[in-house]
């Protein structure tokens, strides 16, 4: 019996050692949303990838990247799976039991995009609002009767092309990037951006609380030298 017990304990010890055999490797999860992180010609690109690559090089840590649809990323956060990611402050703090904000990286807020010279507060201009964004900015500048809530940016852009809506309200950099990819007879410009005193839409470095103090220190030191790319 003792023989089998010793073998069992040895197996548990080896498994525990194997799970932490390379503590300098971090599981990095990011989402496939341009311009933050996306594939182009089978290469992972974007603002967040640029920042993470800088962090990986400067820290001397090894990053293992995994790209997920945004909804799955939120599920992974609830499970406490990623070691590190770049996310909105609000979504990082919603999982505060497992994660903490290391630092703010850049601002990204909802904005209303309209055809140049258009005033969305006047007339019957229909605005496609992306779900989960634009709460404050639409309440301040738009009429409720003119707001069409939409589940995806692709649908909003298609409706804009088909002239079923006249403008889009959503996360500024994402909408701007998508609009630049399409040709419109009149240029689309930002009418108003959301001002948010609690900065819950800021992009932050979100790290797992359980990371070792040594790794946290490496990440903090490396982050001091990060050059933030210009955000659209």
Protein backbone atom coordinates (compact mmCIF):
# COMPACT_ATOMS: atom_id res chain seq x y z
CA UNK A 1 0.00 0.00 0.00
CA UNK A 2 2.78 2.40 0.97
CA UNK A 3 4.52 1.57 -2.30
CA UNK A 4 1.47 2.64 -4.32
CA UNK A 5 0.97 5.71 -2.13
CA UNK A 6 4.58 6.79 -2.76
CA UNK A 7 4.16 6.27 -6.50
CA UNK A 8 0.94 8.31 -6.42
CA UNK A 9 2.64 11.15 -4.53
CA UNK A 10 5.59 11.06 -6.94
CA UNK A 11 3.18 11.33 -9.88
CA UNK A 12 1.40 14.31 -8.31
CA UNK A 13 4.75 15.98 -7.66
CA UNK A 14 5.88 15.47 -11.24
CA UNK A 15 2.59 16.80 -12.59
CA UNK A 16 2.85 19.85 -10.37
CA UNK A 17 6.43 20.41 -11.48
CA UNK A 18 5.45 20.00 -15.13
CA UNK A 19 2.68 22.58 -14.83
CA UNK A 20 5.20 25.16 -13.64
CA UNK A 21 8.28 23.87 -15.40
CA UNK A 22 8.64 27.06 -17.41
CA UNK A 23 7.29 29.91 -15.26
CA UNK A 24 8.69 32.51 -17.69
CA UNK A 25 6.14 31.53 -20.38
CA UNK A 26 2.91 33.52 -20.27
CA UNK A 27 -0.38 32.63 -21.94
CA UNK A 28 -1.47 35.74 -23.85
CA UNK A 29 -5.04 35.84 -25.15
CA UNK A 30 -6.18 38.49 -27.59
CA UNK A 31 -9.30 39.03 -29.70
CA UNK A 32 -9.66 39.20 -33.46
CA UNK A 33 -10.94 42.77 -33.85
CA UNK A 34 -9.16 45.22 -36.13
CA UNK A 35 -7.34 47.51 -35.62
CA UNK A 36 -6.44 46.16 -32.15
CA UNK A 37 -5.44 42.63 -33.13
CA UNK A 38 -6.14 40.87 -36.41
CA UNK A 39 -4.65 38.62 -39.08
CA UNK A 40 -3.38 40.05 -42.35
CA UNK A 41 -1.70 37.68 -44.83
CA UNK A 42 -1.53 35.08 -42.01
CA UNK A 43 0.40 37.53 -39.82
CA UNK A 44 -0.92 38.76 -36.48
CA UNK A 45 -0.99 42.56 -36.47
CA UNK A 46 -2.58 45.49 -34.65
CA UNK A 47 -2.07 48.06 -31.89
CA UNK A 48 -2.25 45.49 -29.12
CA UNK A 49 0.09 43.06 -30.86
CA UNK A 50 2.64 45.85 -31.37
CA UNK A 51 2.50 46.66 -27.64
CA UNK A 52 2.63 43.01 -26.54
CA UNK A 53 5.62 42.27 -28.81
CA UNK A 54 7.49 45.21 -27.27
CA UNK A 55 6.61 43.94 -23.80
CA UNK A 56 7.72 40.40 -24.65
CA UNK A 57 11.08 41.56 -26.01
CA UNK A 58 11.86 43.98 -23.18
CA UNK A 59 10.76 41.68 -20.36
CA UNK A 60 12.68 38.63 -21.59
CA UNK A 61 9.54 36.55 -21.02
CA UNK A 62 8.11 34.13 -23.57
CA UNK A 63 4.58 34.94 -24.75
CA UNK A 64 2.37 32.19 -26.17
CA UNK A 65 -0.39 33.93 -28.16
CA UNK A 66 -3.94 32.71 -28.62
CA UNK A 67 -6.47 34.65 -30.73
CA UNK A 68 -10.17 34.21 -29.91
CA UNK A 69 -13.50 35.72 -30.91
CA UNK A 70 -14.38 38.44 -28.42
CA UNK A 71 -17.25 36.53 -26.78
CA UNK A 72 -15.00 33.53 -26.12
CA UNK A 73 -12.33 35.80 -24.67
CA UNK A 74 -14.83 37.01 -22.05
CA UNK A 75 -15.52 33.37 -21.16
CA UNK A 76 -11.78 32.68 -20.82
CA UNK A 77 -11.49 35.68 -18.49
CA UNK A 78 -14.23 34.32 -16.23
CA UNK A 79 -12.30 31.07 -16.04
CA UNK A 80 -9.07 32.90 -15.23
CA UNK A 81 -7.29 31.35 -18.23
CA UNK A 82 -5.03 34.09 -19.70
CA UNK A 83 -1.97 35.28 -17.81
CA UNK A 84 -1.97 38.63 -19.57
CA UNK A 85 -4.04 40.56 -22.09
CA UNK A 86 -4.94 44.06 -23.23
CA UNK A 87 -8.58 44.85 -22.58
CA UNK A 88 -10.95 47.68 -21.71
CA UNK A 89 -10.64 48.75 -18.08
CA UNK A 90 -14.32 47.93 -17.42
CA UNK A 91 -14.00 44.35 -18.65
CA UNK A 92 -10.76 43.76 -16.77
CA UNK A 93 -12.27 44.97 -13.49
CA UNK A 94 -15.39 42.85 -13.94
CA UNK A 95 -13.07 39.90 -13.40
CA UNK A 96 -11.23 41.53 -10.51
CA UNK A 97 -11.13 38.34 -8.44
CA UNK A 98 -8.58 36.90 -10.84
CA UNK A 99 -7.21 40.00 -12.61
CA UNK A 100 -5.81 43.43 -11.90
CA UNK A 101 -5.00 46.48 -13.99
CA UNK A 102 -1.27 46.94 -14.34
CA UNK A 103 -1.52 50.27 -16.15
CA UNK A 104 -3.37 52.32 -18.72
CA UNK A 105 -2.04 52.08 -22.29
CA UNK A 106 -4.24 54.32 -24.42
CA UNK A 107 -7.71 55.85 -24.65
CA UNK A 108 -10.44 54.39 -26.83
CA UNK A 109 -13.93 55.79 -26.46
CA UNK A 110 -17.23 55.52 -28.35
CA UNK A 111 -17.89 58.12 -31.03
CA UNK A 112 -20.61 59.15 -33.47
CA UNK A 113 -19.54 58.98 -37.14
CA UNK A 114 -21.58 60.96 -39.67
CA UNK A 115 -21.26 62.33 -43.17
CA UNK A 116 -19.31 65.57 -43.15
CA UNK A 117 -21.51 68.54 -42.31
CA UNK A 118 -24.33 66.42 -40.85
CA UNK A 119 -25.93 67.28 -37.50
CA UNK A 120 -27.30 64.02 -36.01
CA UNK A 121 -29.32 65.89 -33.39
CA UNK A 122 -31.51 67.45 -36.08
CA UNK A 123 -34.09 65.98 -38.46
CA UNK A 124 -34.72 62.25 -38.80
CA UNK A 125 -31.15 61.01 -39.13
CA UNK A 126 -31.01 57.32 -38.19
CA UNK A 127 -27.97 56.25 -36.18
CA UNK A 128 -26.86 52.63 -35.91
CA UNK A 129 -25.61 52.12 -32.34
CA UNK A 130 -23.44 49.12 -31.57
CA UNK A 131 -24.62 47.19 -28.54
CA UNK A 132 -22.48 47.70 -25.43
CA UNK A 133 -21.15 51.08 -26.51
CA UNK A 134 -22.31 54.67 -26.93
CA UNK A 135 -24.46 54.85 -23.79
CA UNK A 136 -23.36 58.31 -22.68
CA UNK A 137 -22.61 59.88 -26.05
CA UNK A 138 -25.91 58.79 -27.62
CA UNK A 139 -27.91 59.92 -24.58
CA UNK A 140 -26.31 63.36 -24.78
CA UNK A 141 -26.39 63.98 -28.54
CA UNK A 142 -29.02 61.71 -30.14
CA UNK A 143 -32.78 61.38 -30.14
CA UNK A 144 -33.95 57.97 -28.90
CA UNK A 145 -36.39 57.67 -31.78
CA UNK A 146 -33.51 57.86 -34.26
CA UNK A 147 -31.34 55.16 -32.67
CA UNK A 148 -31.19 51.64 -34.18
CA UNK A 149 -29.42 49.14 -31.89
CA UNK A 150 -27.26 46.71 -33.87
CA UNK A 151 -25.33 43.60 -32.77
CA UNK A 152 -22.33 43.95 -35.10
CA UNK A 153 -20.22 46.53 -36.89
CA UNK A 154 -20.44 44.60 -40.18
CA UNK A 155 -24.20 44.91 -40.11
CA UNK A 156 -23.95 48.63 -39.29
CA UNK A 157 -21.60 49.28 -42.22
CA UNK A 158 -23.82 47.31 -44.62
CA UNK A 159 -26.86 49.28 -43.49
CA UNK A 160 -24.90 52.49 -43.94
CA UNK A 161 -23.92 51.48 -47.48
CA UNK A 162 -27.56 50.58 -48.23
CA UNK A 163 -28.64 53.96 -46.76
CA UNK A 164 -30.85 52.27 -44.15
CA UNK A 165 -29.01 54.32 -41.52
CA UNK A 166 -27.20 57.65 -41.87
CA UNK A 167 -24.43 57.28 -39.27
CA UNK A 168 -22.81 54.87 -36.83
CA UNK A 169 -22.07 55.13 -33.12
CA UNK A 170 -19.52 52.68 -31.74
CA UNK A 171 -16.01 52.24 -30.36
CA UNK A 172 -14.05 54.99 -32.12
CA UNK A 173 -10.95 53.21 -33.50
CA UNK A 174 -12.91 50.13 -34.62
CA UNK A 175 -15.55 52.12 -36.51
CA UNK A 176 -12.97 54.46 -38.03
CA UNK A 177 -10.83 51.55 -39.25
CA UNK A 178 -13.83 49.84 -40.85
CA UNK A 179 -15.08 53.01 -42.52
CA UNK A 180 -11.65 53.69 -44.01
CA UNK A 181 -11.85 50.28 -45.70
CA UNK A 182 -15.04 51.27 -47.56
CA UNK A 183 -15.59 53.95 -50.18
CA UNK A 184 -18.36 56.45 -49.55
CA UNK A 185 -19.55 59.26 -51.80
CA UNK A 186 -19.12 61.65 -48.88
CA UNK A 187 -16.40 61.37 -46.20
CA UNK A 188 -17.39 60.06 -42.77
CA UNK A 189 -16.12 62.11 -39.83
CA UNK A 190 -16.40 62.04 -36.03
CA UNK A 191 -19.26 64.26 -34.91
CA UNK A 192 -18.81 63.73 -31.16
CA UNK A 193 -16.73 61.47 -28.93
CA UNK A 194 -17.75 60.26 -25.52
CA UNK A 195 -16.08 61.90 -22.53
CA UNK A 196 -15.97 59.41 -19.71
CA UNK A 197 -14.66 60.61 -16.35
CA UNK A 198 -14.12 57.12 -14.93
CA UNK A 199 -12.14 56.01 -18.04
CA UNK A 200 -13.79 52.61 -18.17
CA UNK A 201 -13.16 52.47 -21.94
CA UNK A 202 -9.39 52.93 -21.52
CA UNK A 203 -7.28 50.08 -22.91
CA UNK A 204 -5.25 48.64 -20.05
CA UNK A 205 -2.70 45.93 -19.45
CA UNK A 206 -4.75 43.35 -17.57
CA UNK A 207 -2.77 40.70 -15.71
CA UNK A 208 -3.58 37.74 -13.53
CA UNK A 209 -3.20 38.51 -9.83
CA UNK A 210 -1.63 35.11 -9.18
CA UNK A 211 1.46 35.83 -11.31
CA UNK A 212 4.64 35.67 -9.25
CA UNK A 213 6.06 38.94 -7.87
CA UNK A 214 9.19 38.41 -9.99
CA UNK A 215 7.19 38.20 -13.25
CA UNK A 216 5.05 41.19 -12.27
CA UNK A 217 8.22 43.18 -11.67
CA UNK A 218 9.61 42.16 -15.08
CA UNK A 219 6.38 43.25 -16.78
CA UNK A 220 6.29 46.57 -14.93
CA UNK A 221 9.90 47.38 -15.79
CA UNK A 222 9.38 46.43 -19.44
CA UNK A 223 6.18 48.48 -19.70
CA UNK A 224 8.03 51.68 -18.86
CA UNK A 225 9.75 51.60 -22.24
CA UNK A 226 6.69 50.80 -24.39
CA UNK A 227 6.04 53.10 -27.32
CA UNK A 228 2.29 53.33 -27.84
CA UNK A 229 1.40 53.27 -31.57
CA UNK A 230 -0.70 56.09 -32.95
CA UNK A 231 -4.35 55.19 -32.51
CA UNK A 232 -6.71 55.96 -35.41
